[in-house]
C-alpha atoms as a PDB file:
ATOM      1  CA  MET A   1      -7.942 -12.806   9.730  1.00  0.00           C
ATOM      2  CA  ASP A   2      -9.787 -13.494  12.493  1.00  0.00           C
ATOM      3  CA  ASN A   3      -7.405 -15.170  14.532  1.00  0.00           C
ATOM      4  CA  PRO A   4      -3.998 -13.713  15.215  1.00  0.00           C
ATOM      5  CA  PHE A   5      -1.295 -15.148  12.910  1.00  0.00           C
ATOM      6  CA  ILE A   6       1.103 -16.717  15.305  1.00  0.00           C
ATOM      7  CA  ILE A   7       4.534 -18.993  14.525  1.00  0.00           C
ATOM      8  CA  PRO A   8       4.981 -21.419  17.465  1.00  0.00           C
ATOM      9  CA  THR A   9       8.260 -21.705  18.858  1.00  0.00           C
ATOM     10  CA  ASN A  10       8.608 -25.178  18.230  1.00  0.00           C
ATOM     11  CA  PRO A  11       6.370 -25.620  15.269  1.00  0.00           C
ATOM     12  CA  THR A  12       5.649 -29.158  13.628  1.00  0.00           C
ATOM     13  CA  PRO A  13       5.962 -29.734   9.673  1.00  0.00           C
ATOM     14  CA  LYS A  14       2.154 -30.337   9.852  1.00  0.00           C
ATOM     15  CA  GLU A  15       2.411 -26.484  11.463  1.00  0.00           C
ATOM     16  CA  ILE A  16       4.667 -25.144   9.111  1.00  0.00           C
ATOM     17  CA  ILE A  17       2.785 -26.370   6.111  1.00  0.00           C
ATOM     18  CA  GLU A  18      -0.372 -25.162   7.121  1.00  0.00           C
ATOM     19  CA  LEU A  19       1.161 -21.845   8.304  1.00  0.00           C
ATOM     20  CA  THR A  20       3.055 -21.603   4.953  1.00  0.00           C
ATOM     21  CA  ALA A  21      -0.099 -21.905   2.668  1.00  0.00           C
ATOM     22  CA  CYS A  22      -2.007 -19.578   4.893  1.00  0.00           C
ATOM     23  CA  ALA A  23       0.929 -16.689   4.729  1.00  0.00           C
ATOM     24  CA  THR A  24       1.177 -17.894   0.818  1.00  0.00           C
ATOM     25  CA  ASN A  25      -2.320 -17.108  -0.022  1.00  0.00           C
ATOM     26  CA  THR A  26      -2.848 -14.193   2.092  1.00  0.00           C
ATOM     27  CA  LEU A  27       0.525 -12.878   0.344  1.00  0.00           C
ATOM     28  CA  ALA A  28      -1.546 -13.457  -2.562  1.00  0.00           C
ATOM     29  CA  LEU A  29      -4.696 -11.463  -1.645  1.00  0.00           C
ATOM     30  CA  VAL A  30      -2.847  -8.499  -0.108  1.00  0.00           C
ATOM     31  CA  SER A  31      -0.593  -8.253  -3.473  1.00  0.00           C
ATOM     32  CA  GLU A  32      -3.823  -8.321  -5.366  1.00  0.00           C
ATOM     33  CA  LYS A  33      -5.422  -5.372  -2.589  1.00  0.00           C
ATOM     34  CA  LEU A  34      -2.013  -3.212  -3.035  1.00  0.00           C
ATOM     35  CA  ALA A  35      -2.265  -3.079  -7.193  1.00  0.00           C
ATOM     36  CA  ARG A  36      -6.095  -2.139  -6.507  1.00  0.00           C
ATOM     37  CA  CYS A  37      -5.288   0.496  -4.195  1.00  0.00           C
ATOM     38  CA  LYS A  38      -2.200   1.484  -6.105  1.00  0.00           C
ATOM     39  CA  ASN A  39      -4.532   2.020  -9.264  1.00  0.00           C
ATOM     40  CA  VAL A  40      -6.768   4.110  -7.085  1.00  0.00           C
ATOM     41  CA  MET A  41      -4.118   6.230  -6.007  1.00  0.00           C
ATOM     42  CA  ALA A  42      -2.807   6.974  -9.734  1.00  0.00           C
ATOM     43  CA  ASP A  43      -6.023   7.651 -10.639  1.00  0.00           C
ATOM     44  CA  ALA A  44      -6.705  10.399  -8.032  1.00  0.00           C
ATOM     45  CA  GLU A  45      -3.409  11.984  -8.768  1.00  0.00           C
ATOM     46  CA  ASP A  46      -4.254  12.011 -12.090  1.00  0.00           C
ATOM     47  CA  LEU A  47      -7.757  13.899 -11.174  1.00  0.00           C
ATOM     48  CA  LEU A  48      -5.623  16.383  -9.209  1.00  0.00           C
ATOM     49  CA  LYS A  49      -3.235  17.321 -11.624  1.00  0.00           C
ATOM     50  CA  GLN A  50      -6.156  17.768 -14.128  1.00  0.00           C
ATOM     51  CA  ILE A  51      -8.369  19.753 -11.758  1.00  0.00           C
ATOM     52  CA  GLN A  52      -5.033  21.880 -10.529  1.00  0.00           C
ATOM     53  CA  ALA A  53      -4.138  22.876 -14.090  1.00  0.00           C
ATOM     54  CA  GLU A  54      -8.247  23.663 -14.855  1.00  0.00           C
ATOM     55  CA  LYS A  55      -8.170  26.249 -11.908  1.00  0.00           C
ATOM     56  CA  LEU A  56      -4.868  27.454 -13.076  1.00  0.00           C
ATOM     57  CA  LEU A  57      -6.213  28.188 -16.313  1.00  0.00           C
ATOM     58  CA  LEU A  58      -9.361  29.618 -14.528  1.00  0.00           C
ATOM     59  CA  TYR A  59      -7.558  31.896 -12.485  1.00  0.00           C
ATOM     60  CA  MET A  60      -4.967  33.095 -15.326  1.00  0.00           C
ATOM     61  CA  GLU A  61      -8.206  34.337 -17.178  1.00  0.00           C
ATOM     62  CA  GLN A  62      -9.751  36.089 -14.111  1.00  0.00           C
ATOM     63  CA  TYR A  63      -6.704  37.635 -12.634  1.00  0.00           C
ATOM     64  CA  PRO A  64      -4.360  38.129 -15.989  1.00  0.00           C
ATOM     65  CA  LYS A  65      -2.115  40.363 -13.785  1.00  0.00           C
ATOM     66  CA  ALA A  66      -1.448  38.338 -11.082  1.00  0.00           C
ATOM     67  CA  ASN A  67       1.976  36.386 -10.567  1.00  0.00           C
ATOM     68  CA  GLN A  68       2.464  32.665 -10.524  1.00  0.00           C
ATOM     69  CA  LEU A  69       2.704  33.017  -6.560  1.00  0.00           C
ATOM     70  CA  LYS A  70      -0.838  34.601  -5.944  1.00  0.00           C
ATOM     71  CA  LEU A  71      -1.956  31.974  -9.267  1.00  0.00           C
ATOM     72  CA  LYS A  72      -0.816  28.909  -6.989  1.00  0.00           C
ATOM     73  CA  ALA A  73      -2.149  30.150  -3.871  1.00  0.00           C
ATOM     74  CA  LEU A  74      -5.418  30.570  -5.603  1.00  0.00           C
ATOM     75  CA  VAL A  75      -5.263  26.914  -6.876  1.00  0.00           C
ATOM     76  CA  ASP A  76      -4.037  25.627  -3.464  1.00  0.00           C
ATOM     77  CA  VAL A  77      -7.121  27.161  -1.717  1.00  0.00           C
ATOM     78  CA  ASP A  78      -9.553  26.248  -4.353  1.00  0.00           C
ATOM     79  CA  THR A  79     -12.396  24.144  -3.047  1.00  0.00           C
ATOM     80  CA  ASP A  80     -12.151  21.649  -5.787  1.00  0.00           C
ATOM     81  CA  VAL A  81      -8.598  21.361  -5.492  1.00  0.00           C
ATOM     82  CA  GLN A  82      -8.726  20.776  -2.055  1.00  0.00           C
ATOM     83  CA  GLN A  83     -11.290  17.892  -1.841  1.00  0.00           C
ATOM     84  CA  THR A  84      -9.464  16.202  -4.683  1.00  0.00           C
ATOM     85  CA  LYS A  85      -5.892  16.501  -2.509  1.00  0.00           C
ATOM     86  CA  SER A  86      -7.983  14.801   0.294  1.00  0.00           C
ATOM     87  CA  VAL A  87      -9.320  12.134  -1.846  1.00  0.00           C
ATOM     88  CA  TYR A  88      -5.706  11.495  -3.011  1.00  0.00           C
ATOM     89  CA  LYS A  89      -4.154  11.628   0.135  1.00  0.00           C
ATOM     90  CA  GLU A  90      -6.616   8.833   1.455  1.00  0.00           C
ATOM     91  CA  ALA A  91      -5.393   6.750  -1.221  1.00  0.00           C
ATOM     92  CA  LYS A  92      -2.091   7.076  -0.496  1.00  0.00           C
ATOM     93  CA  ALA A  93      -2.534   6.198   2.983  1.00  0.00           C
ATOM     94  CA  LYS A  94      -4.441   3.215   1.773  1.00  0.00           C
ATOM     95  CA  VAL A  95      -1.142   2.494  -0.095  1.00  0.00           C
ATOM     96  CA  VAL A  96       1.161   2.698   2.635  1.00  0.00           C
ATOM     97  CA  LEU A  97      -0.908   0.600   5.098  1.00  0.00           C
ATOM     98  CA  THR A  98      -1.402  -2.025   2.292  1.00  0.00           C
ATOM     99  CA  GLU A  99       2.524  -1.955   1.711  1.00  0.00           C
ATOM    100  CA  THR A 100       3.025  -2.276   5.223  1.00  0.00           C
ATOM    101  CA  GLU A 101       0.543  -5.412   5.857  1.00  0.00           C
ATOM    102  CA  TYR A 102       2.438  -7.030   2.502  1.00  0.00           C
ATOM    103  CA  LYS A 103       5.773  -6.498   4.438  1.00  0.00           C
ATOM    104  CA  THR A 104       4.365  -7.965   7.609  1.00  0.00           C
ATOM    105  CA  TRP A 105       2.922 -11.304   5.720  1.00  0.00           C
ATOM    106  CA  ASP A 106       6.015 -11.634   3.428  1.00  0.00           C
ATOM    107  CA  ASN A 107       8.320 -11.497   6.573  1.00  0.00           C
ATOM    108  CA  ARG A 108       6.005 -13.998   8.150  1.00  0.00           C
ATOM    109  CA  PHE A 109       6.441 -16.282   5.018  1.00  0.00           C
ATOM    110  CA  ILE A 110      10.481 -15.531   4.931  1.00  0.00           C
ATOM    111  CA  CYS A 111      10.264 -16.983   9.163  1.00  0.00           C
ATOM    112  CA  LEU A 112       8.442 -19.787   7.829  1.00  0.00           C
ATOM    113  CA  ARG A 113      10.671 -20.920   5.226  1.00  0.00           C
ATOM    114  CA  LYS A 114      13.923 -20.124   7.391  1.00  0.00           C
ATOM    115  CA  ILE A 115      12.388 -22.485  10.100  1.00  0.00           C
ATOM    116  CA  ALA A 116      11.243 -25.411   7.250  1.00  0.00           C
ATOM    117  CA  SER A 117      15.521 -25.081   6.255  1.00  0.00           C
ATOM    118  CA  ILE A 118      16.370 -25.491   9.754  1.00  0.00           C
ATOM    119  CA  MET A 119      14.360 -28.473  10.312  1.00  0.00           C
ATOM    120  CA  GLU A 120      15.177 -30.005   7.307  1.00  0.00           C
ATOM    121  CA  THR A 121      18.707 -30.025   8.082  1.00  0.00           C
ATOM    122  CA  GLU A 122      18.215 -31.068  11.673  1.00  0.00           C
ATOM    123  CA  MET A 123      16.177 -33.758   9.747  1.00  0.00           C
ATOM    124  CA  LYS A 124      19.042 -34.459   7.613  1.00  0.00           C
ATOM    125  CA  SER A 125      21.661 -34.617  10.297  1.00  0.00           C
ATOM    126  CA  ILE A 126      19.332 -37.297  12.276  1.00  0.00           C
ATOM    127  CA  ARG A 127      20.131 -39.728   9.627  1.00  0.00           C
END
């Protein structure tokens, strides 16, 4: 969004409707984005596990007398494993950022609903 989303201190009913629509639409878009990010992260995690397993088998063949600690260290410092870990960490970071974005919009939506509820109660008490 180009403009900052600011809820006025004393919004009009029209502003509440417009802001609620904006928050609802944005929540839907961010929710889709979050699902895509989670899919990318899951794929990256699967690939990381696969590469780690392949490298472990490779190093077990190369160093049949090595203990598990040495084999794990060899796998951890392997270039392919490091690159895949980097991709996984990047995907995980995007998920965290997108979850934060979702929570922010959800809080805005909740705030608007509460304001609308208070306004409705005030209108009923005036009648």
